[in-house]
């Protein structure tokens, strides 16, 4: 095998696939990345048997071939090489020589025959989504997943088909985020237009995807903006996402996800409309004191003065109050929340104004954007003493 590629391309794509390389591999070859060169393209793969990432880029391939190389060692070398072209040559003993302007390095590889193949789906249900729609679903839910590994199902995001798109949901038991992500109409000339128009006829999804895999997917989408429709497939306990020259695969989480829709109240007696950035800024300031005690902030809804008063009382430390203008309907109410939960939800919303609906000081509150992505964020209040 012999190829020439840019240091920047090789370094960037190695950093992507390395995130699927296990730190403690169950088999030595899994500590490697697989490199395949053919048709003027280099393909890199990392796989820990649960999460798999494959990415490819253009290169000058003189002699095609494939092998595996130690992921960490290769990345450490390539990331420190000067910019410009790198020539990579492999002999029959899997010894790879990297040649650049400043010098030459050799790395011992392993044959690719023992490297496991990423899962494939020839016949499977598929949804085509623009990157923006998929990104909105991930941004609006991933932050609400649980970090408690004993509640493994809640560490993932539940994904299911809706009438005209996908619904994403995540909860850690204290809050719930739900996003409806709707595909944009496909152009008639698009290769995926017919598939996108008929996507919901291909089947129903009702699965839970590990948060770790979706965080990597979100990172990959941000790194490489693509105008292509992204193919999302679920089948036989696996997720496969394909777009441009990228592929991510992941095992699904097993178990029955909670029926979260029944947790969302249908009616509220109080409603607040408020500018999102003003509320976020006020929360960031008052959180300095809240974090000194128990992380709790009290919201006092005042319909007469059209304000929401934020207050924190941290005995032996201090106290703070901030008033934010808002449209408030219903009776006055004092209700308290974990300040981080409020901040997380508000930062995930993209609209300039948000609406908060609640009923009593002990019942769930729901925050949603006014315009833009259809998102519902439910957060449980904290009981406060008078």
Protein backbone atom coordinates (compact mmCIF):
# COMPACT_ATOMS: atom_id res chain seq x y z
CA UNK A 1 0.00 0.00 0.00
CA UNK A 2 1.17 3.49 -0.83
CA UNK A 3 -0.70 6.78 -0.64
CA UNK A 4 -0.17 10.51 -0.21
CA UNK A 5 -2.53 12.75 1.71
CA UNK A 6 -2.45 16.02 3.62
CA UNK A 7 -1.41 16.05 7.27
CA UNK A 8 -4.51 18.11 8.11
CA UNK A 9 -6.93 15.60 6.55
CA UNK A 10 -5.31 12.59 8.19
CA UNK A 11 -5.12 14.29 11.58
CA UNK A 12 -8.73 15.50 11.48
CA UNK A 13 -10.21 12.15 10.48
CA UNK A 14 -8.07 10.22 12.95
CA UNK A 15 -9.40 12.41 15.76
CA UNK A 16 -12.94 11.49 14.71
CA UNK A 17 -12.56 7.69 14.56
CA UNK A 18 -10.34 7.54 17.66
CA UNK A 19 -13.38 8.35 19.76
CA UNK A 20 -14.69 4.86 18.97
CA UNK A 21 -11.41 3.16 19.93
CA UNK A 22 -11.70 1.57 23.41
CA UNK A 23 -9.20 2.57 26.09
CA UNK A 24 -9.25 -1.01 27.41
CA UNK A 25 -9.87 -3.21 24.36
CA UNK A 26 -11.18 -6.73 24.82
CA UNK A 27 -8.95 -7.77 21.90
CA UNK A 28 -5.59 -6.15 20.95
CA UNK A 29 -6.67 -5.30 17.41
CA UNK A 30 -9.50 -3.10 18.71
CA UNK A 31 -6.84 -0.67 19.97
CA UNK A 32 -6.08 -0.02 16.30
CA UNK A 33 -7.78 1.95 13.56
CA UNK A 34 -8.39 0.25 10.25
CA UNK A 35 -7.03 2.09 7.24
CA UNK A 36 -8.20 1.16 3.74
CA UNK A 37 -6.98 2.91 0.58
CA UNK A 38 -8.60 2.48 -2.83
CA UNK A 39 -10.10 4.56 -5.66
CA UNK A 40 -8.24 7.70 -4.54
CA UNK A 41 -9.94 7.51 -1.16
CA UNK A 42 -8.70 6.70 2.33
CA UNK A 43 -11.20 5.19 4.77
CA UNK A 44 -10.56 5.08 8.55
CA UNK A 45 -12.56 2.97 11.02
CA UNK A 46 -12.69 2.78 14.81
CA UNK A 47 -14.88 0.19 16.56
CA UNK A 48 -15.30 -0.89 20.19
CA UNK A 49 -17.94 -3.53 19.27
CA UNK A 50 -20.70 -1.20 20.47
CA UNK A 51 -19.89 2.16 18.87
CA UNK A 52 -18.40 2.29 15.39
CA UNK A 53 -17.22 5.32 13.40
CA UNK A 54 -16.06 5.29 9.78
CA UNK A 55 -14.92 8.33 7.83
CA UNK A 56 -13.15 8.83 4.51
CA UNK A 57 -11.32 11.54 2.58
CA UNK A 58 -9.58 12.04 -0.76
CA UNK A 59 -5.95 11.03 -1.27
CA UNK A 60 -3.51 10.04 -4.01
CA UNK A 61 -3.52 6.24 -3.85
CA UNK A 62 -0.72 4.61 -5.83
CA UNK A 63 -1.05 1.11 -4.41
CA UNK A 64 -4.38 0.15 -2.77
CA UNK A 65 -4.47 -1.91 0.40
CA UNK A 66 -5.72 -2.14 3.95
CA UNK A 67 -4.28 -2.72 7.42
CA UNK A 68 -4.70 -1.59 11.02
CA UNK A 69 -2.44 0.73 13.01
CA UNK A 70 -2.21 1.59 16.74
CA UNK A 71 -4.74 4.42 17.14
CA UNK A 72 -3.11 6.45 19.90
CA UNK A 73 0.46 6.12 18.61
CA UNK A 74 -0.52 7.03 15.05
CA UNK A 75 -2.52 10.05 16.21
CA UNK A 76 0.26 11.26 18.49
CA UNK A 77 2.71 11.16 15.60
CA UNK A 78 0.47 12.64 12.90
CA UNK A 79 -0.80 15.47 15.10
CA UNK A 80 2.79 16.64 15.68
CA UNK A 81 3.92 16.49 12.05
CA UNK A 82 4.23 19.76 10.12
CA UNK A 83 1.53 20.76 7.67
CA UNK A 84 1.81 19.54 4.09
CA UNK A 85 1.68 16.17 2.41
CA UNK A 86 2.41 12.85 4.12
CA UNK A 87 3.34 9.75 2.17
CA UNK A 88 2.30 6.50 3.81
CA UNK A 89 3.89 3.27 2.60
CA UNK A 90 3.25 -0.24 3.93
CA UNK A 91 5.29 -3.37 3.23
CA UNK A 92 4.20 -7.02 3.32
CA UNK A 93 5.04 -7.22 7.04
CA UNK A 94 2.55 -4.43 7.86
CA UNK A 95 5.38 -2.02 8.68
CA UNK A 96 4.19 1.47 7.76
CA UNK A 97 6.52 4.33 6.93
CA UNK A 98 5.24 7.91 7.19
CA UNK A 99 7.34 10.40 5.26
CA UNK A 100 6.92 14.16 5.54
CA UNK A 101 9.01 17.29 4.96
CA UNK A 102 10.72 17.06 8.35
CA UNK A 103 11.52 13.37 8.48
CA UNK A 104 10.35 9.78 8.52
CA UNK A 105 8.55 7.57 11.06
CA UNK A 106 7.79 3.87 11.12
CA UNK A 107 4.85 2.22 12.87
CA UNK A 108 4.16 -1.50 13.09
CA UNK A 109 0.64 -2.45 12.09
CA UNK A 110 -1.53 -5.57 12.02
CA UNK A 111 -3.37 -7.24 9.18
CA UNK A 112 -6.94 -6.02 8.69
CA UNK A 113 -8.41 -9.52 8.32
CA UNK A 114 -9.10 -9.87 12.04
CA UNK A 115 -10.64 -6.42 12.42
CA UNK A 116 -14.42 -6.69 12.90
CA UNK A 117 -16.68 -5.26 10.22
CA UNK A 118 -19.14 -2.53 11.11
CA UNK A 119 -22.79 -3.64 11.04
CA UNK A 120 -24.63 -3.19 7.74
CA UNK A 121 -28.30 -3.16 6.79
CA UNK A 122 -29.25 -4.09 3.26
CA UNK A 123 -32.98 -4.24 3.97
CA UNK A 124 -34.02 -1.92 6.77
CA UNK A 125 -36.32 0.92 7.70
CA UNK A 126 -34.83 4.32 6.93
CA UNK A 127 -35.56 7.97 7.65
CA UNK A 128 -33.84 10.77 5.73
CA UNK A 129 -33.27 13.93 7.75
CA UNK A 130 -31.37 17.14 7.00
CA UNK A 131 -28.42 17.66 9.32
CA UNK A 132 -30.13 20.68 10.91
CA UNK A 133 -33.23 18.66 11.88
CA UNK A 134 -31.15 15.83 13.30
CA UNK A 135 -28.90 18.28 15.14
CA UNK A 136 -31.94 20.01 16.66
CA UNK A 137 -33.20 16.69 18.01
CA UNK A 138 -29.84 15.88 19.60
CA UNK A 139 -29.21 19.35 21.04
CA UNK A 140 -32.67 19.46 22.56
CA UNK A 141 -32.48 16.13 24.38
CA UNK A 142 -28.95 14.89 25.08
CA UNK A 143 -28.45 17.23 28.03
CA UNK A 144 -31.40 15.62 29.85
CA UNK A 145 -30.08 12.05 29.77
CA UNK A 146 -29.12 10.37 33.04
CA UNK A 147 -25.49 9.92 34.08
CA UNK A 148 -26.43 7.06 36.43
CA UNK A 149 -25.19 3.86 34.80
CA UNK A 150 -27.47 1.80 37.08
CA UNK A 151 -30.35 3.34 35.11
CA UNK A 152 -28.85 2.38 31.78
CA UNK A 153 -32.00 2.91 29.72
CA UNK A 154 -32.20 6.52 30.90
CA UNK A 155 -28.62 7.21 29.76
CA UNK A 156 -29.93 7.05 26.18
CA UNK A 157 -32.27 9.07 23.98
CA UNK A 158 -35.55 7.51 22.92
CA UNK A 159 -36.26 7.91 19.19
CA UNK A 160 -39.51 7.07 17.46
CA UNK A 161 -41.28 7.91 14.23
CA UNK A 162 -44.01 10.50 14.21
CA UNK A 163 -46.43 11.31 11.39
CA UNK A 164 -44.01 13.64 9.62
CA UNK A 165 -40.63 13.10 11.26
CA UNK A 166 -38.83 11.79 14.32
CA UNK A 167 -39.48 12.41 18.00
CA UNK A 168 -36.51 12.52 20.39
CA UNK A 169 -36.99 12.21 24.17
CA UNK A 170 -34.67 12.03 27.18
CA UNK A 171 -35.23 12.01 30.94
CA UNK A 172 -33.15 11.48 34.07
CA UNK A 173 -36.16 11.19 36.34
CA UNK A 174 -36.11 14.87 37.37
CA UNK A 175 -36.66 16.46 33.98
CA UNK A 176 -37.86 15.51 30.51
CA UNK A 177 -36.94 16.94 27.10
CA UNK A 178 -38.97 16.09 23.98
CA UNK A 179 -38.23 17.36 20.48
CA UNK A 180 -40.20 16.81 17.27
CA UNK A 181 -37.75 16.95 14.38
CA UNK A 182 -39.44 17.34 10.99
CA UNK A 183 -37.62 16.76 7.67
CA UNK A 184 -37.58 19.63 5.23
CA UNK A 185 -39.23 19.00 1.83
CA UNK A 186 -36.69 17.44 -0.54
CA UNK A 187 -35.77 19.06 -3.85
CA UNK A 188 -37.14 17.26 -6.87
CA UNK A 189 -33.60 16.87 -8.22
CA UNK A 190 -32.27 15.41 -4.98
CA UNK A 191 -31.10 11.78 -5.03
CA UNK A 192 -32.98 11.27 -1.79
CA UNK A 193 -36.18 13.13 -2.72
CA UNK A 194 -38.24 10.04 -3.39
CA UNK A 195 -36.93 8.28 -0.29
CA UNK A 196 -37.56 11.35 1.83
CA UNK A 197 -41.11 11.77 0.51
CA UNK A 198 -41.97 8.16 1.28
CA UNK A 199 -39.86 7.70 4.38
CA UNK A 200 -42.68 7.06 6.81
CA UNK A 201 -44.03 4.25 4.66
CA UNK A 202 -40.91 2.19 5.35
CA UNK A 203 -41.73 1.31 8.95
CA UNK A 204 -41.94 2.50 12.54
CA UNK A 205 -39.08 3.15 14.96
CA UNK A 206 -39.38 2.96 18.72
CA UNK A 207 -35.84 2.57 20.04
CA UNK A 208 -33.42 3.91 22.65
CA UNK A 209 -29.94 4.94 21.49
CA UNK A 210 -26.97 5.29 23.90
CA UNK A 211 -26.21 8.90 24.74
CA UNK A 212 -22.50 8.31 24.11
CA UNK A 213 -23.12 7.37 20.47
CA UNK A 214 -25.39 10.35 19.88
CA UNK A 215 -22.89 12.77 21.42
CA UNK A 216 -20.32 11.52 18.92
CA UNK A 217 -22.87 11.90 16.13
CA UNK A 218 -23.59 15.47 17.24
CA UNK A 219 -19.86 16.24 17.28
CA UNK A 220 -19.38 14.77 13.79
CA UNK A 221 -22.31 16.76 12.39
CA UNK A 222 -20.83 19.96 13.80
CA UNK A 223 -17.38 19.21 12.37
CA UNK A 224 -18.53 18.46 8.84
CA UNK A 225 -21.51 20.50 7.72
CA UNK A 226 -23.35 18.61 4.99
CA UNK A 227 -26.28 19.60 2.77
CA UNK A 228 -27.01 15.96 2.00
CA UNK A 229 -29.92 14.15 3.57
CA UNK A 230 -28.72 11.94 6.41
CA UNK A 231 -29.93 8.34 6.34
CA UNK A 232 -30.94 7.00 9.76
CA UNK A 233 -31.58 3.25 10.00
CA UNK A 234 -32.63 1.01 12.88
CA UNK A 235 -32.68 -2.76 12.66
CA UNK A 236 -31.77 -5.86 14.68
CA UNK A 237 -30.65 -3.93 17.74
CA UNK A 238 -28.47 -1.52 15.76
CA UNK A 239 -28.46 2.11 14.69
CA UNK A 240 -26.69 3.13 11.48
CA UNK A 241 -26.32 6.77 10.39
CA UNK A 242 -24.87 7.54 6.94
CA UNK A 243 -24.07 10.88 5.32
CA UNK A 244 -21.44 12.27 2.97
CA UNK A 245 -18.33 10.17 3.70
CA UNK A 246 -19.28 9.40 7.29
CA UNK A 247 -20.88 6.46 9.05
CA UNK A 248 -21.74 5.89 12.70
CA UNK A 249 -23.08 2.64 14.10
CA UNK A 250 -24.22 1.82 17.60
CA UNK A 251 -25.93 -0.91 19.54
CA UNK A 252 -29.33 0.03 20.91
CA UNK A 253 -30.31 -0.09 24.57
CA UNK A 254 -32.72 -2.85 25.52
CA UNK A 255 -35.82 -2.36 27.64
CA UNK A 256 -39.14 -0.52 27.72
CA UNK A 257 -38.63 3.25 27.82
CA UNK A 258 -40.97 5.12 30.21
CA UNK A 259 -44.25 6.39 28.75
CA UNK A 260 -43.13 10.00 29.03
CA UNK A 261 -46.08 11.61 27.24
CA UNK A 262 -48.39 10.76 30.11
CA UNK A 263 -46.14 12.83 32.42
CA UNK A 264 -46.79 16.08 30.52
CA UNK A 265 -49.80 17.98 31.95
CA UNK A 266 -52.45 19.03 29.43
CA UNK A 267 -53.70 22.14 31.27
CA UNK A 268 -52.09 24.86 33.37
CA UNK A 269 -53.45 27.66 35.53
CA UNK A 270 -50.39 29.90 35.20
CA UNK A 271 -48.41 31.04 32.17
CA UNK A 272 -45.25 33.14 31.80
CA UNK A 273 -43.82 34.54 28.56
CA UNK A 274 -40.29 35.85 28.97
CA UNK A 275 -37.24 36.80 26.93
CA UNK A 276 -34.93 33.81 26.99
CA UNK A 277 -31.58 35.60 27.03
CA UNK A 278 -32.62 37.90 29.88
CA UNK A 279 -33.70 34.92 31.98
CA UNK A 280 -30.53 32.96 31.15
CA UNK A 281 -28.31 35.90 32.11
CA UNK A 282 -30.14 36.43 35.40
CA UNK A 283 -29.88 32.72 36.22
CA UNK A 284 -26.16 32.70 35.49
CA UNK A 285 -25.60 35.54 37.93
CA UNK A 286 -27.78 34.21 40.72
CA UNK A 287 -26.41 30.67 40.27
CA UNK A 288 -23.13 31.90 41.79
CA UNK A 289 -24.91 32.09 45.14
CA UNK A 290 -27.20 29.12 44.54
CA UNK A 291 -24.20 26.87 43.97
CA UNK A 292 -22.87 27.84 47.42
CA UNK A 293 -25.78 26.13 49.12
CA UNK A 294 -28.09 23.63 47.44
CA UNK A 295 -28.37 24.85 43.87
CA UNK A 296 -31.96 25.98 44.34
CA UNK A 297 -33.45 29.18 42.93
CA UNK A 298 -36.94 30.46 43.75
CA UNK A 299 -39.11 32.07 41.09
CA UNK A 300 -41.87 34.40 42.28
CA UNK A 301 -44.47 34.98 39.56
CA UNK A 302 -46.01 38.45 39.88
CA UNK A 303 -48.83 39.11 37.37
CA UNK A 304 -49.63 42.57 38.83
CA UNK A 305 -46.15 43.94 38.15
CA UNK A 306 -45.46 41.73 35.09
CA UNK A 307 -42.25 40.36 36.55
CA UNK A 308 -40.59 37.16 37.60
CA UNK A 309 -38.44 37.61 40.72
CA UNK A 310 -35.48 35.24 41.05
CA UNK A 311 -34.12 34.84 44.56
CA UNK A 312 -31.54 32.78 46.43
CA UNK A 313 -31.00 32.62 50.16
CA UNK A 314 -27.80 30.87 51.19
CA UNK A 315 -27.46 31.11 54.99
CA UNK A 316 -23.98 32.05 56.24
CA UNK A 317 -23.02 32.97 52.64
CA UNK A 318 -25.39 35.60 51.34
CA UNK A 319 -28.51 36.17 49.29
CA UNK A 320 -29.48 37.57 45.92
CA UNK A 321 -32.51 38.81 43.97
CA UNK A 322 -33.09 39.64 40.31
CA UNK A 323 -36.27 40.87 38.65
CA UNK A 324 -36.98 40.03 35.00
CA UNK A 325 -39.83 41.57 33.00
CA UNK A 326 -42.38 39.04 31.78
CA UNK A 327 -45.99 38.55 30.75
CA UNK A 328 -47.58 36.64 33.62
CA UNK A 329 -51.12 35.27 33.66
CA UNK A 330 -52.84 33.52 36.55
CA UNK A 331 -52.46 33.95 40.30
CA UNK A 332 -49.10 34.80 41.96
CA UNK A 333 -46.94 31.80 42.79
CA UNK A 334 -43.63 30.97 44.44
CA UNK A 335 -41.99 27.94 42.81
CA UNK A 336 -38.40 26.69 43.14
CA UNK A 337 -36.14 24.71 40.82
CA UNK A 338 -32.67 23.29 40.56
CA UNK A 339 -30.91 26.22 38.89
CA UNK A 340 -28.81 23.96 36.63
CA UNK A 341 -31.92 22.23 35.30
CA UNK A 342 -33.39 25.58 34.31
CA UNK A 343 -30.15 26.74 32.70
CA UNK A 344 -29.71 23.51 30.71
CA UNK A 345 -33.21 23.64 29.29
CA UNK A 346 -33.13 27.33 28.39
CA UNK A 347 -29.76 27.00 26.65
CA UNK A 348 -31.12 24.17 24.51
CA UNK A 349 -33.90 26.40 23.20
CA UNK A 350 -33.13 28.58 20.20
CA UNK A 351 -36.07 31.02 20.27
CA UNK A 352 -35.84 34.61 21.51
CA UNK A 353 -38.85 34.12 23.80
CA UNK A 354 -39.94 31.12 25.84
CA UNK A 355 -43.12 30.18 27.59
CA UNK A 356 -43.27 28.58 31.02
CA UNK A 357 -46.48 26.95 32.16
CA UNK A 358 -47.17 25.64 35.64
CA UNK A 359 -50.01 24.88 38.00
CA UNK A 360 -48.82 24.61 41.61
CA UNK A 361 -45.54 24.86 43.50
CA UNK A 362 -45.24 21.06 43.56
CA UNK A 363 -46.47 20.08 40.09
CA UNK A 364 -44.30 19.90 36.92
CA UNK A 365 -43.54 23.05 34.96
CA UNK A 366 -43.21 22.98 31.18
CA UNK A 367 -40.95 25.32 29.21
CA UNK A 368 -41.25 25.59 25.43
CA UNK A 369 -39.91 27.92 22.71
CA UNK A 370 -42.13 30.46 20.97
CA UNK A 371 -41.34 29.66 17.37
CA UNK A 372 -38.66 27.48 15.81
CA UNK A 373 -38.10 23.88 16.83
CA UNK A 374 -41.04 22.18 18.52
CA UNK A 375 -39.64 21.30 21.94
CA UNK A 376 -41.15 20.52 25.32
CA UNK A 377 -39.01 20.71 28.45
CA UNK A 378 -40.61 19.47 31.66
CA UNK A 379 -38.83 20.09 34.94
CA UNK A 380 -39.90 19.06 38.42
CA UNK A 381 -39.94 21.81 41.05
CA UNK A 382 -38.22 21.57 44.44
CA UNK A 383 -40.40 21.87 47.51
CA UNK A 384 -39.61 24.99 49.53
CA UNK A 385 -40.51 25.89 53.09
CA UNK A 386 -42.26 29.16 53.80
